[in-house]
Protein backbone atom coordinates (compact mmCIF):
# COMPACT_ATOMS: atom_id res chain seq x y z
CA MET A 1 59.34 149.54 100.16
CA ASN A 2 59.66 146.02 98.85
CA ALA A 3 63.07 144.40 98.59
CA TYR A 4 63.33 141.15 96.64
CA ILE A 5 66.14 138.84 97.74
CA PHE A 6 67.58 135.81 95.97
CA PRO A 7 69.24 132.80 97.67
CA GLY A 8 72.62 131.24 96.94
CA GLN A 9 74.16 127.78 96.99
CA GLY A 10 72.81 125.36 99.59
CA ALA A 11 69.12 126.17 99.02
CA GLN A 12 68.61 123.37 96.46
CA PHE A 13 66.19 120.49 97.08
CA SER A 14 64.94 117.50 95.10
CA GLY A 15 61.82 118.39 93.10
CA MET A 16 62.68 122.09 92.94
CA GLY A 17 60.88 123.98 90.19
CA LEU A 18 58.49 121.15 89.27
CA ASP A 19 55.42 123.10 90.50
CA LEU A 20 56.43 126.02 88.27
CA TYR A 21 56.93 123.73 85.26
CA GLU A 22 53.55 122.05 85.73
CA ASN A 23 51.53 125.21 86.39
CA SER A 24 53.02 127.86 84.12
CA PRO A 25 53.46 127.67 80.32
CA LEU A 26 56.03 130.50 80.60
CA ALA A 27 58.04 128.54 83.17
CA GLN A 28 57.89 125.43 80.98
CA GLU A 29 59.24 127.37 78.01
CA LEU A 30 62.08 128.89 80.07
CA PHE A 31 63.07 125.52 81.58
CA GLU A 32 63.19 123.92 78.10
CA ASN A 33 65.25 126.86 76.86
CA ALA A 34 67.65 126.30 79.80
CA ASN A 35 68.10 122.63 78.85
CA ASP A 36 69.11 123.75 75.34
CA ILE A 37 71.52 126.43 76.61
CA LEU A 38 73.22 124.11 79.11
CA GLY A 39 73.36 121.15 76.72
CA PHE A 40 71.94 118.68 79.23
CA PRO A 41 68.47 118.14 80.75
CA ILE A 42 68.89 120.00 84.04
CA THR A 43 65.11 119.78 84.54
CA ASP A 44 65.38 115.98 84.97
CA ILE A 45 67.90 116.46 87.79
CA MET A 46 65.95 119.30 89.42
CA PHE A 47 62.59 117.52 89.32
CA GLU A 48 63.63 113.90 89.90
CA GLY A 49 67.30 113.85 90.95
CA SER A 50 68.59 112.94 94.40
CA ALA A 51 70.20 115.37 96.85
CA GLU A 52 73.56 113.95 95.71
CA ASP A 53 72.77 114.65 92.04
CA LEU A 54 71.85 118.22 92.91
CA LYS A 55 75.15 118.74 94.76
CA GLU A 56 77.18 118.44 91.56
CA THR A 57 78.70 121.87 90.91
CA LYS A 58 77.61 122.17 87.28
CA VAL A 59 74.03 121.47 88.45
CA THR A 60 73.68 123.26 91.81
CA GLN A 61 74.31 126.84 90.75
CA PRO A 62 72.25 126.82 87.51
CA ALA A 63 69.41 124.95 89.32
CA ILE A 64 69.07 127.58 92.06
CA PHE A 65 69.41 130.39 89.51
CA LEU A 66 66.67 128.86 87.32
CA HIS A 67 64.28 128.30 90.22
CA SER A 68 64.67 131.92 91.37
CA VAL A 69 64.61 133.66 88.00
CA ILE A 70 61.76 131.63 86.52
CA LEU A 71 59.69 132.15 89.68
CA ALA A 72 60.32 135.91 89.43
CA LYS A 73 59.22 135.88 85.78
CA THR A 74 55.99 133.99 86.56
CA LEU A 75 55.03 136.73 89.04
CA GLY A 76 54.38 139.00 86.06
CA GLU A 77 52.93 142.39 86.94
CA SER A 78 53.03 141.71 90.68
CA PHE A 79 56.86 141.65 90.60
CA LYS A 80 57.61 145.31 91.39
CA PRO A 81 60.87 145.54 93.33
CA ASP A 82 62.02 148.83 94.82
CA MET A 83 65.42 147.18 95.32
CA VAL A 84 67.03 143.74 94.91
CA ALA A 85 69.93 141.76 96.35
CA GLY A 86 71.22 138.21 96.09
CA HIS A 87 73.47 136.13 98.33
CA SER A 88 76.60 135.16 96.34
CA LEU A 89 75.21 133.17 93.37
CA GLY A 90 71.85 134.87 94.07
CA GLU A 91 73.31 138.16 92.83
CA PHE A 92 73.08 136.80 89.25
CA SER A 93 69.41 135.89 89.80
CA ALA A 94 68.77 139.39 91.16
CA LEU A 95 70.44 141.01 88.13
CA VAL A 96 68.30 139.03 85.67
CA ALA A 97 65.11 139.68 87.65
CA ALA A 98 65.91 143.42 87.68
CA GLY A 99 66.55 143.51 83.93
CA ALA A 100 70.32 144.09 84.02
CA LEU A 101 71.00 140.76 82.30
CA THR A 102 68.98 138.63 79.91
CA PHE A 103 67.82 135.19 81.06
CA GLU A 104 70.13 133.51 78.52
CA ASP A 105 73.22 135.55 79.40
CA GLY A 106 72.61 135.15 83.13
CA LEU A 107 72.35 131.36 82.79
CA LYS A 108 75.51 131.15 80.66
CA LEU A 109 77.47 133.22 83.21
CA VAL A 110 76.19 131.13 86.14
CA SER A 111 77.17 127.92 84.33
CA GLN A 112 80.64 129.31 83.55
CA ARG A 113 80.99 130.52 87.15
CA ALA A 114 80.17 127.07 88.53
CA LEU A 115 82.71 125.33 86.29
CA ALA A 116 85.41 127.96 86.95
CA MET A 117 84.90 127.61 90.72
CA GLN A 118 85.10 123.81 90.42
CA LYS A 119 88.42 124.10 88.57
CA ALA A 120 89.81 126.52 91.19
CA CYS A 121 88.80 124.05 93.94
CA GLU A 122 90.76 121.30 92.19
CA ILE A 123 93.94 123.41 91.96
CA GLN A 124 94.29 123.64 95.73
CA PRO A 125 92.44 121.73 98.46
CA SER A 126 90.61 124.29 100.57
CA THR A 127 87.45 124.68 102.64
CA MET A 128 85.15 126.96 104.66
CA ALA A 129 83.92 127.01 108.27
CA ALA A 130 80.91 128.54 110.01
CA VAL A 131 81.66 130.60 113.10
CA LEU A 132 78.82 131.29 115.54
CA GLY A 133 78.65 133.56 118.56
CA LEU A 134 81.57 135.95 118.04
CA ASP A 135 81.71 139.58 116.92
CA ASP A 136 82.90 140.09 113.35
CA ASP A 137 85.97 142.08 114.39
CA ILE A 138 87.25 139.25 116.61
CA VAL A 139 86.85 136.75 113.76
CA GLU A 140 88.61 139.13 111.35
CA LYS A 141 91.49 139.63 113.79
CA ILE A 142 91.98 135.87 114.27
CA CYS A 143 91.93 135.30 110.49
CA ALA A 144 94.55 138.03 110.05
CA THR A 145 96.88 136.51 112.66
CA THR A 146 96.53 132.85 111.58
CA GLU A 147 99.35 131.43 109.46
CA GLY A 148 98.29 130.63 105.89
CA ILE A 149 95.33 131.88 103.86
CA VAL A 150 92.12 132.31 105.86
CA VAL A 151 89.66 135.19 105.48
CA ALA A 152 86.14 136.25 106.46
CA ALA A 153 83.98 135.16 103.50
CA ASN A 154 80.27 135.49 104.35
CA TYR A 155 78.88 138.07 106.79
CA ASN A 156 75.51 136.31 107.09
CA CYS A 157 74.04 138.00 110.18
CA PRO A 158 75.37 139.29 113.51
CA GLY A 159 77.13 136.41 115.26
CA GLN A 160 77.22 134.23 112.14
CA LEU A 161 80.23 134.53 109.89
CA VAL A 162 81.77 132.02 107.46
CA ILE A 163 85.54 131.88 107.02
CA SER A 164 87.30 130.54 103.95
CA GLY A 165 90.82 129.40 103.08
CA GLU A 166 93.47 126.67 103.13
CA ILE A 167 92.51 123.54 105.07
CA ASP A 168 95.33 123.80 107.66
CA ALA A 169 94.73 127.51 108.18
CA ILE A 170 90.96 126.94 108.63
CA ASN A 171 91.59 124.19 111.20
CA LYS A 172 94.04 126.39 113.14
CA ALA A 173 91.67 129.37 113.03
CA CYS A 174 88.77 127.20 114.27
CA GLU A 175 90.82 126.12 117.31
CA THR A 176 91.69 129.73 118.14
CA LEU A 177 88.10 130.90 117.59
CA LYS A 178 86.80 128.29 120.04
CA GLU A 179 89.41 129.40 122.59
CA GLU A 180 88.17 132.98 122.10
CA GLY A 181 84.62 131.90 122.97
CA ALA A 182 82.98 130.97 119.66
CA ARG A 183 79.83 128.94 120.29
CA ARG A 184 80.74 126.90 117.24
CA ALA A 185 83.53 126.84 114.66
CA LEU A 186 82.49 124.11 112.29
CA VAL A 187 84.18 123.08 109.03
CA LEU A 188 81.55 122.94 106.27
CA PRO A 189 81.11 120.17 103.68
CA VAL A 190 81.99 122.40 100.71
CA GLY A 191 84.30 121.82 97.76
CA GLY A 192 86.57 124.81 98.28
CA ALA A 193 87.37 128.24 99.65
CA PHE A 194 84.73 130.42 97.99
CA HIS A 195 85.01 134.21 98.39
CA SER A 196 88.73 134.01 99.21
CA PRO A 197 92.00 134.73 97.36
CA LEU A 198 92.10 131.03 96.42
CA MET A 199 89.31 131.73 93.91
CA GLU A 200 91.61 133.99 91.86
CA PRO A 201 91.84 131.52 88.89
CA ALA A 202 88.03 131.42 88.76
CA ARG A 203 87.81 135.22 89.04
CA GLU A 204 90.11 135.63 86.04
CA GLU A 205 88.14 133.13 83.97
CA LEU A 206 84.77 134.66 84.87
CA ALA A 207 86.07 138.21 84.35
CA ALA A 208 86.62 137.49 80.64
CA ALA A 209 83.07 136.11 80.28
CA ILE A 210 81.52 139.06 82.17
CA GLU A 211 83.46 141.61 80.09
CA ASN A 212 82.06 140.01 76.92
CA THR A 213 78.45 140.11 78.15
CA THR A 214 76.06 143.02 77.64
CA PHE A 215 74.69 144.51 80.85
CA ASN A 216 71.80 146.99 81.01
CA LYS A 217 70.90 149.49 83.68
CA PRO A 218 68.71 147.59 86.19
CA ASN A 219 65.08 148.64 86.77
CA CYS A 220 65.87 149.32 90.44
CA PRO A 221 69.02 149.53 92.60
CA ILE A 222 70.89 146.28 93.29
CA TYR A 223 72.73 146.00 96.60
CA GLN A 224 75.83 144.05 95.63
CA ASN A 225 77.74 141.71 97.91
CA VAL A 226 81.08 143.44 97.46
CA THR A 227 79.99 146.97 98.40
CA ALA A 228 76.72 146.45 100.32
CA SER A 229 75.47 149.62 98.64
CA ALA A 230 72.87 150.53 96.00
CA ILE A 231 74.27 150.27 92.47
CA LEU A 232 72.64 151.26 89.17
CA ASP A 233 75.66 151.79 86.89
CA GLU A 234 76.32 148.87 84.50
CA ASN A 235 80.11 149.19 84.65
CA GLU A 236 80.11 149.22 88.44
CA ILE A 237 77.83 146.19 88.45
CA LYS A 238 80.26 144.32 86.19
CA ALA A 239 83.31 145.25 88.27
CA ASN A 240 81.62 144.19 91.51
CA LEU A 241 80.44 140.92 89.98
CA ILE A 242 84.02 140.12 88.94
CA SER A 243 85.38 141.01 92.41
CA GLN A 244 82.70 138.92 94.09
CA LEU A 245 84.47 135.56 93.75
CA THR A 246 87.49 136.62 95.81
CA ALA A 247 85.76 139.19 98.06
CA PRO A 248 83.46 138.61 101.06
CA VAL A 249 79.67 138.48 100.81
CA ARG A 250 78.56 141.44 102.95
CA TRP A 251 75.00 140.23 103.50
CA THR A 252 74.58 141.72 107.00
CA GLN A 253 75.74 145.11 105.74
CA SER A 254 73.59 144.88 102.58
CA VAL A 255 70.38 144.21 104.53
CA GLN A 256 71.21 146.96 107.03
CA GLN A 257 71.72 149.42 104.15
CA MET A 258 68.47 148.36 102.47
CA VAL A 259 66.60 148.94 105.73
CA THR A 260 68.27 152.37 106.06
CA ASP A 261 67.18 153.13 102.49
CA GLY A 262 63.54 152.29 103.26
CA ALA A 263 63.04 148.52 102.82
CA THR A 264 60.24 147.25 105.06
CA LEU A 265 59.32 143.96 103.33
CA PHE A 266 61.92 141.40 102.17
CA THR A 267 60.46 138.86 99.72
CA GLU A 268 62.64 135.80 99.07
CA VAL A 269 62.47 134.53 95.50
CA GLY A 270 63.67 130.96 95.04
CA PRO A 271 64.15 127.76 96.99
CA GLY A 272 64.07 127.78 100.80
CA LYS A 273 63.74 130.45 103.47
CA VAL A 274 67.35 130.86 104.57
CA LEU A 275 67.59 134.54 103.68
CA GLN A 276 64.35 135.38 105.48
CA GLY A 277 65.84 133.90 108.65
CA LEU A 278 68.99 135.98 108.22
CA VAL A 279 67.00 139.18 107.59
CA LYS A 280 65.07 138.64 110.85
CA LYS A 281 68.35 138.23 112.74
CA ILE A 282 69.78 141.38 111.15
CA ASN A 283 66.66 143.51 111.67
CA ARG A 284 63.79 142.20 113.78
CA GLU A 285 61.35 144.89 112.60
CA SER A 286 61.53 143.83 108.94
CA GLN A 287 58.69 141.82 107.43
CA THR A 288 59.63 138.77 105.35
CA ALA A 289 57.75 136.63 102.81
CA SER A 290 58.29 133.94 100.17
CA ALA A 291 57.37 134.63 96.56
CA THR A 292 54.88 132.02 95.31
CA LEU A 293 53.41 131.22 91.94
CA GLU A 294 49.93 131.97 93.31
CA THR A 295 50.92 135.65 93.61
CA ASN A 296 50.24 135.87 89.88
CA ALA A 297 46.62 134.66 90.20
């Protein structure tokens, strides 16, 4: 069974999507449509902008979403997922690719999500840290006993967990984690504490937008970050998408469940190969691949 997986923030690169634009009339049309929806020429930044330009919040999330979704659409008949999943932001790409959201609605929600997260970051200085080489339960325990707000945010693969929270609490937790034997506990260069209670203002703002958007039943199950289980019901999808901003990304658990449910090939759709690397660390037997425009030839 073929699982299609969609990357999240951090996968962006200068020149992303240009090959699609130049080689596919459909991609060109969708990119131009995106410029109109967003109200600024995001294609200029994606194709010619610097790494710094691409880091801007209002650009990063829509850019990765567009690269993934437009690539999926150019695959045409060869895009036949038995199941889909996306890492954080990638969940929106997965929902559009699986027919649960229209391209336009997906892009609008991603743009609103990016701006809402930016605002939440400005309300309270906060950050995230990558923890390598410790079992999840040890990391969870240290987060729970550290003063201030600090939580497990991204379960990326066994031995790789990202924590999220207030700056002081993250620094304290990192010290304790190193004492407990973490190979690394490294503060990340991010704008805020994503997937933590500090994203509550963004969750509330996005909730209103999601409630006012039409969702359809997806063409195949989506394994959502919040539950790490197969979901087909539109109302459940909405509720999980709203919870996602303040809840952890259960990527390890999602991939494990997909394997249990029959996934043998994981095809990454979008920029980079980060998710393929994580899949291999979660389950060595799984095959991985990158979706390419040539697949449609």
